[in-house]
Amino acid sequence: MTTATAPVAPLRIVRVWFGPHIIAEYRAEAGLAGRYAAAMARRFPSLNVTNQPTNPPLAQAPDSAS
């Protein structure tokens, strides 16, 4: 029996910064991450809020015998 799987949406990471310190971190698909970032920017108007793509996992470990 085979089952169809939906394609995985790329994740984004939202961080709320207090100076150099991360005080909140959230990972979600782009739409939810955008909503969260907007909400955090409204809640904490004086803090920096970043919304960046997460790094995709490596498909294969790098070859150390190069």
Protein backbone atom coordinates (compact mmCIF):
# COMPACT_ATOMS: atom_id res chain seq x y z
CA MET A 1 0.00 0.00 0.00
CA THR A 2 1.39 3.40 -0.94
CA THR A 3 0.31 6.68 0.51
CA ALA A 4 0.68 10.09 -1.05
CA THR A 5 2.42 12.67 1.03
CA ALA A 6 1.99 16.40 0.67
CA PRO A 7 5.12 18.34 -0.18
CA VAL A 8 6.78 19.80 2.88
CA ALA A 9 6.67 23.59 2.95
CA PRO A 10 10.00 25.22 3.72
CA LEU A 11 10.24 26.40 7.29
CA ARG A 12 11.15 29.87 8.47
CA ILE A 13 12.54 30.92 11.80
CA VAL A 14 11.31 34.02 13.61
CA ARG A 15 13.42 35.48 16.39
CA VAL A 16 12.72 38.34 18.79
CA TRP A 17 15.90 40.10 19.90
CA PHE A 18 16.60 42.09 23.05
CA GLY A 19 19.92 43.61 22.02
CA PRO A 20 22.19 40.65 21.27
CA HIS A 21 19.94 38.17 23.13
CA ILE A 22 17.23 36.02 21.57
CA ILE A 23 14.19 36.13 23.86
CA ALA A 24 11.79 34.21 21.60
CA GLU A 25 12.22 31.79 18.71
CA TYR A 26 9.52 30.23 16.51
CA ARG A 27 9.75 27.90 13.50
CA ALA A 28 6.85 27.46 11.10
CA GLU A 29 5.88 27.53 7.43
CA ALA A 30 6.08 30.94 5.74
CA GLY A 31 2.48 32.07 6.29
CA LEU A 32 2.39 31.28 10.00
CA ALA A 33 5.88 32.66 10.52
CA GLY A 34 4.84 35.94 8.90
CA ARG A 35 1.79 36.22 11.14
CA TYR A 36 3.88 35.47 14.24
CA ALA A 37 6.54 38.02 13.25
CA ALA A 38 3.88 40.70 12.73
CA ALA A 39 2.29 39.89 16.09
CA MET A 40 5.62 40.04 17.91
CA ALA A 41 6.51 43.34 16.22
CA ARG A 42 3.19 44.79 17.46
CA ARG A 43 3.69 43.37 20.95
CA PHE A 44 7.32 44.48 21.26
CA PRO A 45 7.66 47.59 19.04
CA SER A 46 11.10 48.54 20.38
CA LEU A 47 12.68 45.11 19.78
CA ASN A 48 14.09 43.68 16.56
CA VAL A 49 12.10 40.83 15.01
CA THR A 50 13.73 38.74 12.28
CA ASN A 51 12.05 36.27 9.91
CA GLN A 52 14.56 34.13 8.02
CA PRO A 53 14.54 30.83 6.13
CA THR A 54 15.87 27.85 8.04
CA ASN A 55 18.86 26.07 6.59
CA PRO A 56 17.83 22.89 4.77
CA PRO A 57 19.29 19.73 6.29
CA LEU A 58 22.20 18.19 4.44
CA ALA A 59 21.18 15.28 2.26
CA GLN A 60 24.55 13.64 2.82
CA ALA A 61 27.32 14.19 5.32
CA PRO A 62 30.40 15.84 3.85
CA ASP A 63 33.18 13.46 2.86
CA SER A 64 36.00 13.83 5.40
CA ALA A 65 38.49 11.80 3.30
CA SER A 66 39.10 14.58 0.75
